[in-house]
Amino acid sequence: MEGVAQLEYKDWQKADLRVAEIKKVEEIEGADKLFKLTLDVGEIGTRTICAGIKEFYESKDLANKKIAYLSNLAPRKMKGVESQGMLLAAFTDDEAKIVLLALDSDIENGSQIG
């Protein structure tokens, strides 16, 4: 794809992708697009992330949903909340539509994705 940097295999191996289950969805004061999500990542434990999906999902539709999660992204403060990773989603070029990546059957929280 033109304009997209190539990733070396050794760099891809650094990404720790895991299955996580959304256990809690919270509003973030002053955030129009962000939800605060509490994730169960199996033996890794519980993690908190901020996700800019508020205009595409209602909180009730996210609870107990299993997602693909990038666990080793450096933490980052967003609207005063430390986000400890990132969920994976597909989106259109203009970001008019965002869809969470879904698993086609159940697997344990914390399972590796590769």
PDB file of N, CA and C in Angstrom:
ATOM      1  N   MET A   1       0.838  -1.173   0.000  1.00  0.00           N
ATOM      2  CA  MET A   1       0.000   0.000   0.000  1.00  0.00           C
ATOM      3  C   MET A   1       0.886   1.240   0.000  1.00  0.00           C
ATOM      4  N   GLU A   2       0.601   2.109  -0.908  1.00  0.00           N
ATOM      5  CA  GLU A   2       1.389   3.327  -1.053  1.00  0.00           C
ATOM      6  C   GLU A   2       1.232   4.229   0.167  1.00  0.00           C
ATOM      7  N   GLY A   3       2.344   4.763   0.641  1.00  0.00           N
ATOM      8  CA  GLY A   3       2.327   5.686   1.762  1.00  0.00           C
ATOM      9  C   GLY A   3       2.282   5.026   3.133  1.00  0.00           C
ATOM     10  N   VAL A   4       2.306   3.695   3.178  1.00  0.00           N
ATOM     11  CA  VAL A   4       2.282   2.983   4.453  1.00  0.00           C
ATOM     12  C   VAL A   4       3.660   2.373   4.684  1.00  0.00           C
ATOM     13  N   ALA A   5       4.253   2.690   5.823  1.00  0.00           N
ATOM     14  CA  ALA A   5       5.583   2.177   6.136  1.00  0.00           C
ATOM     15  C   ALA A   5       5.542   0.663   6.297  1.00  0.00           C
ATOM     16  N   GLN A   6       6.587  -0.004   5.808  1.00  0.00           N
ATOM     17  CA  GLN A   6       6.686  -1.459   5.993  1.00  0.00           C
ATOM     18  C   GLN A   6       7.205  -1.761   7.388  1.00  0.00           C
ATOM     19  N   LEU A   7       6.688  -2.820   7.944  1.00  0.00           N
ATOM     20  CA  LEU A   7       7.067  -3.253   9.276  1.00  0.00           C
ATOM     21  C   LEU A   7       7.898  -4.525   9.138  1.00  0.00           C
ATOM     22  N   GLU A   8       9.055  -4.526   9.736  1.00  0.00           N
ATOM     23  CA  GLU A   8       9.896  -5.720   9.721  1.00  0.00           C
ATOM     24  C   GLU A   8       9.308  -6.756  10.666  1.00  0.00           C
ATOM     25  N   TYR A   9       9.507  -8.031  10.363  1.00  0.00           N
ATOM     26  CA  TYR A   9       8.964  -9.109  11.185  1.00  0.00           C
ATOM     27  C   TYR A   9       9.418  -8.979  12.634  1.00  0.00           C
ATOM     28  N   LYS A  10      10.680  -8.621  12.848  1.00  0.00           N
ATOM     29  CA  LYS A  10      11.198  -8.476  14.217  1.00  0.00           C
ATOM     30  C   LYS A  10      10.443  -7.402  14.984  1.00  0.00           C
ATOM     31  N   ASP A  11       9.946  -6.374  14.277  1.00  0.00           N
ATOM     32  CA  ASP A  11       9.150  -5.336  14.935  1.00  0.00           C
ATOM     33  C   ASP A  11       7.749  -5.851  15.261  1.00  0.00           C
ATOM     34  N   TRP A  12       7.152  -6.607  14.346  1.00  0.00           N
ATOM     35  CA  TRP A  12       5.837  -7.204  14.579  1.00  0.00           C
ATOM     36  C   TRP A  12       5.869  -8.097  15.819  1.00  0.00           C
ATOM     37  N   GLN A  13       6.971  -8.815  16.015  1.00  0.00           N
ATOM     38  CA  GLN A  13       7.095  -9.723  17.160  1.00  0.00           C
ATOM     39  C   GLN A  13       7.061  -8.985  18.498  1.00  0.00           C
ATOM     40  N   LYS A  14       7.335  -7.697  18.491  1.00  0.00           N
ATOM     41  CA  LYS A  14       7.312  -6.903  19.728  1.00  0.00           C
ATOM     42  C   LYS A  14       5.889  -6.645  20.213  1.00  0.00           C
ATOM     43  N   ALA A  15       4.916  -6.693  19.322  1.00  0.00           N
ATOM     44  CA  ALA A  15       3.529  -6.414  19.694  1.00  0.00           C
ATOM     45  C   ALA A  15       2.961  -7.588  20.490  1.00  0.00           C
ATOM     46  N   ASP A  16       2.418  -7.289  21.662  1.00  0.00           N
ATOM     47  CA  ASP A  16       1.777  -8.311  22.486  1.00  0.00           C
ATOM     48  C   ASP A  16       0.270  -8.115  22.381  1.00  0.00           C
ATOM     49  N   LEU A  17      -0.339  -8.886  21.485  1.00  0.00           N
ATOM     50  CA  LEU A  17      -1.782  -8.810  21.252  1.00  0.00           C
ATOM     51  C   LEU A  17      -2.455  -9.907  22.058  1.00  0.00           C
ATOM     52  N   ARG A  18      -3.526  -9.547  22.774  1.00  0.00           N
ATOM     53  CA  ARG A  18      -4.208 -10.474  23.661  1.00  0.00           C
ATOM     54  C   ARG A  18      -5.721 -10.355  23.518  1.00  0.00           C
ATOM     55  N   VAL A  19      -6.399 -11.399  23.948  1.00  0.00           N
ATOM     56  CA  VAL A  19      -7.852 -11.365  24.070  1.00  0.00           C
ATOM     57  C   VAL A  19      -8.165 -10.732  25.424  1.00  0.00           C
ATOM     58  N   ALA A  20      -9.074  -9.771  25.420  1.00  0.00           N
ATOM     59  CA  ALA A  20      -9.498  -9.122  26.662  1.00  0.00           C
ATOM     60  C   ALA A  20     -11.019  -9.041  26.672  1.00  0.00           C
ATOM     61  N   GLU A  21     -11.581  -9.049  27.862  1.00  0.00           N
ATOM     62  CA  GLU A  21     -13.028  -8.924  28.012  1.00  0.00           C
ATOM     63  C   GLU A  21     -13.335  -7.602  28.716  1.00  0.00           C
ATOM     64  N   ILE A  22     -14.216  -6.824  28.140  1.00  0.00           N
ATOM     65  CA  ILE A  22     -14.609  -5.549  28.736  1.00  0.00           C
ATOM     66  C   ILE A  22     -15.515  -5.844  29.933  1.00  0.00           C
ATOM     67  N   LYS A  23     -15.068  -5.465  31.112  1.00  0.00           N
ATOM     68  CA  LYS A  23     -15.821  -5.732  32.332  1.00  0.00           C
ATOM     69  C   LYS A  23     -16.588  -4.508  32.820  1.00  0.00           C
ATOM     70  N   LYS A  24     -16.096  -3.319  32.498  1.00  0.00           N
ATOM     71  CA  LYS A  24     -16.744  -2.100  32.976  1.00  0.00           C
ATOM     72  C   LYS A  24     -16.547  -0.996  31.944  1.00  0.00           C
ATOM     73  N   VAL A  25     -17.605  -0.222  31.719  1.00  0.00           N
ATOM     74  CA  VAL A  25     -17.563   0.905  30.782  1.00  0.00           C
ATOM     75  C   VAL A  25     -17.978   2.150  31.555  1.00  0.00           C
ATOM     76  N   GLU A  26     -17.142   3.184  31.510  1.00  0.00           N
ATOM     77  CA  GLU A  26     -17.427   4.409  32.243  1.00  0.00           C
ATOM     78  C   GLU A  26     -17.289   5.636  31.347  1.00  0.00           C
ATOM     79  N   GLU A  27     -18.075   6.652  31.672  1.00  0.00           N
ATOM     80  CA  GLU A  27     -17.945   7.951  31.020  1.00  0.00           C
ATOM     81  C   GLU A  27     -16.691   8.630  31.566  1.00  0.00           C
ATOM     82  N   ILE A  28     -16.073   9.476  30.757  1.00  0.00           N
ATOM     83  CA  ILE A  28     -14.947  10.293  31.195  1.00  0.00           C
ATOM     84  C   ILE A  28     -15.415  11.742  31.119  1.00  0.00           C
ATOM     85  N   GLU A  29     -15.349  12.426  32.230  1.00  0.00           N
ATOM     86  CA  GLU A  29     -15.822  13.806  32.289  1.00  0.00           C
ATOM     87  C   GLU A  29     -15.097  14.667  31.241  1.00  0.00           C
ATOM     88  N   GLY A  30     -15.887  15.379  30.451  1.00  0.00           N
ATOM     89  CA  GLY A  30     -15.330  16.273  29.437  1.00  0.00           C
ATOM     90  C   GLY A  30     -14.889  15.590  28.159  1.00  0.00           C
ATOM     91  N   ALA A  31     -15.154  14.304  28.018  1.00  0.00           N
ATOM     92  CA  ALA A  31     -14.729  13.562  26.828  1.00  0.00           C
ATOM     93  C   ALA A  31     -15.938  13.240  25.953  1.00  0.00           C
ATOM     94  N   ASP A  32     -15.949  13.773  24.744  1.00  0.00           N
ATOM     95  CA  ASP A  32     -17.053  13.530  23.812  1.00  0.00           C
ATOM     96  C   ASP A  32     -16.939  12.181  23.113  1.00  0.00           C
ATOM     97  N   LYS A  33     -15.712  11.699  22.917  1.00  0.00           N
ATOM     98  CA  LYS A  33     -15.499  10.484  22.132  1.00  0.00           C
ATOM     99  C   LYS A  33     -15.007   9.292  22.933  1.00  0.00           C
ATOM    100  N   LEU A  34     -14.490   9.540  24.132  1.00  0.00           N
ATOM    101  CA  LEU A  34     -13.807   8.482  24.883  1.00  0.00           C
ATOM    102  C   LEU A  34     -14.682   7.796  25.915  1.00  0.00           C
ATOM    103  N   PHE A  35     -14.502   6.483  26.011  1.00  0.00           N
ATOM    104  CA  PHE A  35     -14.985   5.693  27.131  1.00  0.00           C
ATOM    105  C   PHE A  35     -13.764   5.232  27.920  1.00  0.00           C
ATOM    106  N   LYS A  36     -13.925   5.063  29.207  1.00  0.00           N
ATOM    107  CA  LYS A  36     -12.927   4.400  30.042  1.00  0.00           C
ATOM    108  C   LYS A  36     -13.389   2.953  30.174  1.00  0.00           C
ATOM    109  N   LEU A  37     -12.559   2.022  29.737  1.00  0.00           N
ATOM    110  CA  LEU A  37     -12.899   0.603  29.761  1.00  0.00           C
ATOM    111  C   LEU A  37     -11.992  -0.133  30.737  1.00  0.00           C
ATOM    112  N   THR A  38     -12.577  -0.969  31.563  1.00  0.00           N
ATOM    113  CA  THR A  38     -11.814  -1.855  32.432  1.00  0.00           C
ATOM    114  C   THR A  38     -11.844  -3.227  31.786  1.00  0.00           C
ATOM    115  N   LEU A  39     -10.659  -3.778  31.547  1.00  0.00           N
ATOM    116  CA  LEU A  39     -10.514  -5.041  30.832  1.00  0.00           C
ATOM    117  C   LEU A  39     -10.021  -6.150  31.748  1.00  0.00           C
ATOM    118  N   ASP A  40     -10.527  -7.353  31.514  1.00  0.00           N
ATOM    119  CA  ASP A  40      -9.992  -8.562  32.135  1.00  0.00           C
ATOM    120  C   ASP A  40      -9.100  -9.214  31.090  1.00  0.00           C
ATOM    121  N   VAL A  41      -7.791  -9.275  31.395  1.00  0.00           N
ATOM    122  CA  VAL A  41      -6.828  -9.840  30.453  1.00  0.00           C
ATOM    123  C   VAL A  41      -6.250 -11.138  31.029  1.00  0.00           C
ATOM    124  N   GLY A  42      -7.102 -11.929  31.666  1.00  0.00           N
ATOM    125  CA  GLY A  42      -6.693 -13.229  32.179  1.00  0.00           C
ATOM    126  C   GLY A  42      -5.605 -13.116  33.227  1.00  0.00           C
ATOM    127  N   GLU A  43      -4.571 -13.953  33.100  1.00  0.00           N
ATOM    128  CA  GLU A  43      -3.479 -13.980  34.080  1.00  0.00           C
ATOM    129  C   GLU A  43      -2.708 -12.674  34.140  1.00  0.00           C
ATOM    130  N   ILE A  44      -2.776 -11.871  33.083  1.00  0.00           N
ATOM    131  CA  ILE A  44      -2.102 -10.568  33.077  1.00  0.00           C
ATOM    132  C   ILE A  44      -2.772  -9.644  34.093  1.00  0.00           C
ATOM    133  N   GLY A  45      -4.076  -9.818  34.293  1.00  0.00           N
ATOM    134  CA  GLY A  45      -4.807  -9.028  35.276  1.00  0.00           C
ATOM    135  C   GLY A  45      -5.798  -8.076  34.646  1.00  0.00           C
ATOM    136  N   THR A  46      -6.135  -7.045  35.391  1.00  0.00           N
ATOM    137  CA  THR A  46      -7.089  -6.040  34.954  1.00  0.00           C
ATOM    138  C   THR A  46      -6.322  -4.840  34.412  1.00  0.00           C
ATOM    139  N   ARG A  47      -6.788  -4.296  33.311  1.00  0.00           N
ATOM    140  CA  ARG A  47      -6.165  -3.116  32.712  1.00  0.00           C
ATOM    141  C   ARG A  47      -7.243  -2.086  32.390  1.00  0.00           C
ATOM    142  N   THR A  48      -6.846  -0.824  32.362  1.00  0.00           N
ATOM    143  CA  THR A  48      -7.736   0.274  32.004  1.00  0.00           C
ATOM    144  C   THR A  48      -7.259   0.873  30.692  1.00  0.00           C
ATOM    145  N   ILE A  49      -8.187   1.093  29.774  1.00  0.00           N
ATOM    146  CA  ILE A  49      -7.850   1.793  28.532  1.00  0.00           C
ATOM    147  C   ILE A  49      -8.913   2.854  28.258  1.00  0.00           C
ATOM    148  N   CYS A  50      -8.523   3.829  27.473  1.00  0.00           N
ATOM    149  CA  CYS A  50      -9.453   4.823  26.944  1.00  0.00           C
ATOM    150  C   CYS A  50      -9.644   4.493  25.469  1.00  0.00           C
ATOM    151  N   ALA A  51     -10.886   4.524  25.027  1.00  0.00           N
ATOM    152  CA  ALA A  51     -11.177   4.174  23.635  1.00  0.00           C
ATOM    153  C   ALA A  51     -12.119   5.210  23.026  1.00  0.00           C
ATOM    154  N   GLY A  52     -11.738   5.746  21.875  1.00  0.00           N
ATOM    155  CA  GLY A  52     -12.520   6.762  21.186  1.00  0.00           C
ATOM    156  C   GLY A  52     -13.627   6.173  20.337  1.00  0.00           C
ATOM    157  N   ILE A  53     -14.527   5.446  20.969  1.00  0.00           N
ATOM    158  CA  ILE A  53     -15.579   4.736  20.243  1.00  0.00           C
ATOM    159  C   ILE A  53     -16.982   5.133  20.698  1.00  0.00           C
ATOM    160  N   LYS A  54     -17.073   6.183  21.474  1.00  0.00           N
ATOM    161  CA  LYS A  54     -18.338   6.571  22.104  1.00  0.00           C
ATOM    162  C   LYS A  54     -19.441   6.881  21.101  1.00  0.00           C
ATOM    163  N   GLU A  55     -19.080   7.461  19.963  1.00  0.00           N
ATOM    164  CA  GLU A  55     -20.117   7.803  18.986  1.00  0.00           C
ATOM    165  C   GLU A  55     -20.566   6.602  18.155  1.00  0.00           C
ATOM    166  N   PHE A  56     -19.914   5.448  18.332  1.00  0.00           N
ATOM    167  CA  PHE A  56     -20.242   4.252  17.557  1.00  0.00           C
ATOM    168  C   PHE A  56     -20.846   3.126  18.405  1.00  0.00           C
ATOM    169  N   TYR A  57     -20.628   3.175  19.707  1.00  0.00           N
ATOM    170  CA  TYR A  57     -21.104   2.125  20.602  1.00  0.00           C
ATOM    171  C   TYR A  57     -21.747   2.737  21.842  1.00  0.00           C
ATOM    172  N   GLU A  58     -22.766   2.076  22.349  1.00  0.00           N
ATOM    173  CA  GLU A  58     -23.344   2.440  23.631  1.00  0.00           C
ATOM    174  C   GLU A  58     -22.693   1.573  24.696  1.00  0.00           C
ATOM    175  N   SER A  59     -22.569   2.118  25.887  1.00  0.00           N
ATOM    176  CA  SER A  59     -21.875   1.388  26.950  1.00  0.00           C
ATOM    177  C   SER A  59     -22.495   0.012  27.207  1.00  0.00           C
ATOM    178  N   LYS A  60     -23.815  -0.102  27.128  1.00  0.00           N
ATOM    179  CA  LYS A  60     -24.485  -1.378  27.391  1.00  0.00           C
ATOM    180  C   LYS A  60     -24.118  -2.444  26.360  1.00  0.00           C
ATOM    181  N   ASP A  61     -23.723  -2.016  25.163  1.00  0.00           N
ATOM    182  CA  ASP A  61     -23.350  -2.966  24.108  1.00  0.00           C
ATOM    183  C   ASP A  61     -21.904  -3.430  24.216  1.00  0.00           C
ATOM    184  N   LEU A  62     -21.123  -2.780  25.066  1.00  0.00           N
ATOM    185  CA  LEU A  62     -19.712  -3.122  25.214  1.00  0.00           C
ATOM    186  C   LEU A  62     -19.441  -4.067  26.389  1.00  0.00           C
ATOM    187  N   ALA A  63     -20.286  -4.019  27.388  1.00  0.00           N
ATOM    188  CA  ALA A  63     -20.072  -4.839  28.589  1.00  0.00           C
ATOM    189  C   ALA A  63     -20.017  -6.318  28.223  1.00  0.00           C
ATOM    190  N   ASN A  64     -18.975  -6.988  28.713  1.00  0.00           N
ATOM    191  CA  ASN A  64     -18.724  -8.428  28.525  1.00  0.00           C
ATOM    192  C   ASN A  64     -18.345  -8.812  27.101  1.00  0.00           C
ATOM    193  N   LYS A  65     -18.069  -7.836  26.261  1.00  0.00           N
ATOM    194  CA  LYS A  65     -17.629  -8.101  24.882  1.00  0.00           C
ATOM    195  C   LYS A  65     -16.145  -8.466  24.915  1.00  0.00           C
ATOM    196  N   LYS A  66     -15.771  -9.483  24.140  1.00  0.00           N
ATOM    197  CA  LYS A  66     -14.356  -9.851  24.014  1.00  0.00           C
ATOM    198  C   LYS A  66     -13.767  -9.103  22.828  1.00  0.00           C
ATOM    199  N   ILE A  67     -12.571  -8.559  23.044  1.00  0.00           N
ATOM    200  CA  ILE A  67     -11.918  -7.726  22.031  1.00  0.00           C
ATOM    201  C   ILE A  67     -10.467  -8.150  21.846  1.00  0.00           C
ATOM    202  N   ALA A  68      -9.873  -7.656  20.772  1.00  0.00           N
ATOM    203  CA  ALA A  68      -8.430  -7.777  20.558  1.00  0.00           C
ATOM    204  C   ALA A  68      -7.784  -6.554  21.209  1.00  0.00           C
ATOM    205  N   TYR A  69      -6.712  -6.783  21.960  1.00  0.00           N
ATOM    206  CA  TYR A  69      -6.109  -5.756  22.814  1.00  0.00           C
ATOM    207  C   TYR A  69      -4.592  -5.760  22.643  1.00  0.00           C
ATOM    208  N   LEU A  70      -4.020  -4.587  22.386  1.00  0.00           N
ATOM    209  CA  LEU A  70      -2.567  -4.410  22.332  1.00  0.00           C
ATOM    210  C   LEU A  70      -2.116  -4.070  23.745  1.00  0.00           C
ATOM    211  N   SER A  71      -1.466  -5.043  24.402  1.00  0.00           N
ATOM    212  CA  SER A  71      -1.188  -4.905  25.833  1.00  0.00           C
ATOM    213  C   SER A  71       0.108  -4.175  26.160  1.00  0.00           C
ATOM    214  N   ASN A  72       1.045  -4.129  25.237  1.00  0.00           N
ATOM    215  CA  ASN A  72       2.337  -3.548  25.594  1.00  0.00           C
ATOM    216  C   ASN A  72       2.581  -2.174  24.965  1.00  0.00           C
ATOM    217  N   LEU A  73       1.516  -1.453  24.700  1.00  0.00           N
ATOM    218  CA  LEU A  73       1.644  -0.061  24.270  1.00  0.00           C
ATOM    219  C   LEU A  73       1.987   0.774  25.499  1.00  0.00           C
ATOM    220  N   ALA A  74       2.936   1.687  25.375  1.00  0.00           N
ATOM    221  CA  ALA A  74       3.321   2.521  26.514  1.00  0.00           C
ATOM    222  C   ALA A  74       2.102   3.279  27.039  1.00  0.00           C
ATOM    223  N   PRO A  75       1.928   3.345  28.367  1.00  0.00           N
ATOM    224  CA  PRO A  75       0.785   4.061  28.946  1.00  0.00           C
ATOM    225  C   PRO A  75       0.763   5.524  28.508  1.00  0.00           C
ATOM    226  N   ARG A  76      -0.459   6.065  28.417  1.00  0.00           N
ATOM    227  CA  ARG A  76      -0.635   7.454  27.966  1.00  0.00           C
ATOM    228  C   ARG A  76      -1.834   8.040  28.697  1.00  0.00           C
ATOM    229  N   LYS A  77      -1.691   9.270  29.192  1.00  0.00           N
ATOM    230  CA  LYS A  77      -2.797   9.952  29.872  1.00  0.00           C
ATOM    231  C   LYS A  77      -3.727  10.566  28.832  1.00  0.00           C
ATOM    232  N   MET A  78      -5.021  10.298  29.011  1.00  0.00           N
ATOM    233  CA  MET A  78      -6.045  10.853  28.138  1.00  0.00           C
ATOM    234  C   MET A  78      -7.165  11.382  29.027  1.00  0.00           C
ATOM    235  N   LYS A  79      -7.399  12.688  28.987  1.00  0.00           N
ATOM    236  CA  LYS A  79      -8.435  13.320  29.823  1.00  0.00           C
ATOM    237  C   LYS A  79      -8.264  12.936  31.290  1.00  0.00           C
ATOM    238  N   GLY A  80      -7.004  12.853  31.721  1.00  0.00           N
ATOM    239  CA  GLY A  80      -6.705  12.561  33.116  1.00  0.00           C
ATOM    240  C   GLY A  80      -6.719  11.088  33.486  1.00  0.00           C
ATOM    241  N   VAL A  81      -7.002  10.204  32.530  1.00  0.00           N
ATOM    242  CA  VAL A  81      -7.049   8.764  32.784  1.00  0.00           C
ATOM    243  C   VAL A  81      -5.856   8.106  32.103  1.00  0.00           C
ATOM    244  N   GLU A  82      -5.128   7.253  32.828  1.00  0.00           N
ATOM    245  CA  GLU A  82      -4.015   6.534  32.217  1.00  0.00           C
ATOM    246  C   GLU A  82      -4.551   5.352  31.413  1.00  0.00           C
ATOM    247  N   SER A  83      -4.286   5.371  30.121  1.00  0.00           N
ATOM    248  CA  SER A  83      -4.687   4.295  29.229  1.00  0.00           C
ATOM    249  C   SER A  83      -3.526   3.322  29.099  1.00  0.00           C
ATOM    250  N   GLN A  84      -3.789   2.057  29.403  1.00  0.00           N
ATOM    251  CA  GLN A  84      -2.752   1.030  29.466  1.00  0.00           C
ATOM    252  C   GLN A  84      -2.875   0.052  28.303  1.00  0.00           C
ATOM    253  N   GLY A  85      -2.833   0.569  27.098  1.00  0.00           N
ATOM    254  CA  GLY A  85      -2.948  -0.272  25.920  1.00  0.00           C
ATOM    255  C   GLY A  85      -3.968   0.292  24.963  1.00  0.00           C
ATOM    256  N   MET A  86      -4.378  -0.550  24.001  1.00  0.00           N
ATOM    257  CA  MET A  86      -5.303  -0.088  22.968  1.00  0.00           C
ATOM    258  C   MET A  86      -6.114  -1.264  22.445  1.00  0.00           C
ATOM    259  N   LEU A  87      -7.413  -1.023  22.237  1.00  0.00           N
ATOM    260  CA  LEU A  87      -8.213  -2.045  21.565  1.00  0.00           C
ATOM    261  C   LEU A  87      -7.982  -1.936  20.068  1.00  0.00           C
ATOM    262  N   LEU A  88      -8.267  -2.997  19.340  1.00  0.00           N
ATOM    263  CA  LEU A  88      -8.090  -2.991  17.899  1.00  0.00           C
ATOM    264  C   LEU A  88      -9.449  -2.883  17.219  1.00  0.00           C
ATOM    265  N   ALA A  89      -9.504  -2.031  16.205  1.00  0.00           N
ATOM    266  CA  ALA A  89     -10.748  -1.789  15.473  1.00  0.00           C
ATOM    267  C   ALA A  89     -10.423  -1.497  14.017  1.00  0.00           C
ATOM    268  N   ALA A  90     -11.410  -1.718  13.172  1.00  0.00           N
ATOM    269  CA  ALA A  90     -11.311  -1.339  11.764  1.00  0.00           C
ATOM    270  C   ALA A  90     -12.081  -0.028  11.608  1.00  0.00           C
ATOM    271  N   PHE A  91     -11.612   0.830  10.692  1.00  0.00           N
ATOM    272  CA  PHE A  91     -12.307   2.097  10.485  1.00  0.00           C
ATOM    273  C   PHE A  91     -12.134   2.556   9.049  1.00  0.00           C
ATOM    274  N   THR A  92     -13.110   3.335   8.585  1.00  0.00           N
ATOM    275  CA  THR A  92     -13.051   3.891   7.240  1.00  0.00           C
ATOM    276  C   THR A  92     -12.039   5.034   7.210  1.00  0.00           C
ATOM    277  N   ASP A  93     -11.569   5.393   6.029  1.00  0.00           N
ATOM    278  CA  ASP A  93     -10.571   6.459   5.896  1.00  0.00           C
ATOM    279  C   ASP A  93     -10.999   7.752   6.581  1.00  0.00           C
ATOM    280  N   ASP A  94     -12.279   8.074   6.487  1.00  0.00           N
ATOM    281  CA  ASP A  94     -12.774   9.310   7.093  1.00  0.00           C
ATOM    282  C   ASP A  94     -13.246   9.113   8.533  1.00  0.00           C
ATOM    283  N   GLU A  95     -13.055   7.912   9.069  1.00  0.00           N
ATOM    284  CA  GLU A  95     -13.456   7.535  10.426  1.00  0.00           C
ATOM    285  C   GLU A  95     -14.948   7.756  10.673  1.00  0.00           C
ATOM    286  N   ALA A  96     -15.745   7.651   9.605  1.00  0.00           N
ATOM    287  CA  ALA A  96     -17.195   7.760   9.732  1.00  0.00           C
ATOM    288  C   ALA A  96     -17.785   6.480  10.316  1.00  0.00           C
ATOM    289  N   LYS A  97     -17.010   5.403  10.263  1.00  0.00           N
ATOM    290  CA  LYS A  97     -17.462   4.130  10.827  1.00  0.00           C
ATOM    291  C   LYS A  97     -16.282   3.439  11.489  1.00  0.00           C
ATOM    292  N   ILE A  98     -16.505   2.954  12.695  1.00  0.00           N
ATOM    293  CA  ILE A  98     -15.499   2.199  13.438  1.00  0.00           C
ATOM    294  C   ILE A  98     -16.154   0.924  13.931  1.00  0.00           C
ATOM    295  N   VAL A  99     -15.466  -0.213  13.732  1.00  0.00           N
ATOM    296  CA  VAL A  99     -15.982  -1.513  14.135  1.00  0.00           C
ATOM    297  C   VAL A  99     -14.893  -2.248  14.916  1.00  0.00           C
ATOM    298  N   LEU A 100     -15.240  -2.721  16.102  1.00  0.00           N
ATOM    299  CA  LEU A 100     -14.281  -3.485  16.901  1.00  0.00           C
ATOM    300  C   LEU A 100     -13.974  -4.809  16.233  1.00  0.00           C
ATOM    301  N   LEU A 101     -12.722  -5.254  16.314  1.00  0.00           N
ATOM    302  CA  LEU A 101     -12.366  -6.575  15.815  1.00  0.00           C
ATOM    303  C   LEU A 101     -12.954  -7.601  16.771  1.00  0.00           C
ATOM    304  N   ALA A 102     -13.625  -8.589  16.213  1.00  0.00           N
ATOM    305  CA  ALA A 102     -14.326  -9.582  17.027  1.00  0.00           C
ATOM    306  C   ALA A 102     -13.723 -10.964  16.828  1.00  0.00           C
ATOM    307  N   LEU A 103     -13.895 -11.815  17.826  1.00  0.00           N
ATOM    308  CA  LEU A 103     -13.454 -13.204  17.767  1.00  0.00           C
ATOM    309  C   LEU A 103     -14.611 -14.047  17.269  1.00  0.00           C
ATOM    310  N   ASP A 104     -14.322 -15.052  16.459  1.00  0.00           N
ATOM    311  CA  ASP A 104     -15.422 -15.851  15.906  1.00  0.00           C
ATOM    312  C   ASP A 104     -15.887 -16.969  16.829  1.00  0.00           C
ATOM    313  N   SER A 105     -15.151 -17.235  17.915  1.00  0.00           N
ATOM    314  CA  SER A 105     -15.623 -18.146  18.958  1.00  0.00           C
ATOM    315  C   SER A 105     -14.915 -17.785  20.260  1.00  0.00           C
ATOM    316  N   ASP A 106     -15.385 -18.367  21.360  1.00  0.00           N
ATOM    317  CA  ASP A 106     -14.874 -17.997  22.674  1.00  0.00           C
ATOM    318  C   ASP A 106     -13.507 -18.622  22.932  1.00  0.00           C
ATOM    319  N   ILE A 107     -12.670 -17.869  23.625  1.00  0.00           N
ATOM    320  CA  ILE A 107     -11.356 -18.329  24.066  1.00  0.00           C
ATOM    321  C   ILE A 107     -11.039 -17.585  25.362  1.00  0.00           C
ATOM    322  N   GLU A 108     -10.150 -18.136  26.157  1.00  0.00           N
ATOM    323  CA  GLU A 108      -9.841 -17.554  27.467  1.00  0.00           C
ATOM    324  C   GLU A 108      -9.287 -16.136  27.350  1.00  0.00           C
ATOM    325  N   ASN A 109      -9.676 -15.301  28.312  1.00  0.00           N
ATOM    326  CA  ASN A 109      -9.110 -13.960  28.404  1.00  0.00           C
ATOM    327  C   ASN A 109      -7.606 -14.072  28.593  1.00  0.00           C
ATOM    328  N   GLY A 110      -6.874 -13.202  27.937  1.00  0.00           N
ATOM    329  CA  GLY A 110      -5.410 -13.219  28.030  1.00  0.00           C
ATOM    330  C   GLY A 110      -4.743 -14.079  26.959  1.00  0.00           C
ATOM    331  N   SER A 111      -5.526 -14.825  26.190  1.00  0.00           N
ATOM    332  CA  SER A 111      -4.929 -15.647  25.128  1.00  0.00           C
ATOM    333  C   SER A 111      -4.204 -14.754  24.128  1.00  0.00           C
ATOM    334  N   GLN A 112      -3.083 -15.242  23.624  1.00  0.00           N
ATOM    335  CA  GLN A 112      -2.301 -14.475  22.659  1.00  0.00           C
ATOM    336  C   GLN A 112      -2.958 -14.472  21.295  1.00  0.00           C
ATOM    337  N   ILE A 113      -2.781 -13.356  20.592  1.00  0.00           N
ATOM    338  CA  ILE A 113      -3.232 -13.202  19.228  1.00  0.00           C
ATOM    339  C   ILE A 113      -1.990 -13.057  18.366  1.00  0.00           C
ATOM    340  N   GLY A 114      -1.921 -13.792  17.276  1.00  0.00           N
ATOM    341  CA  GLY A 114      -0.739 -13.700  16.429  1.00  0.00           C
ATOM    342  C   GLY A 114      -1.074 -13.911  14.987  1.00  0.00           C
TER     343      GLY A 114
END
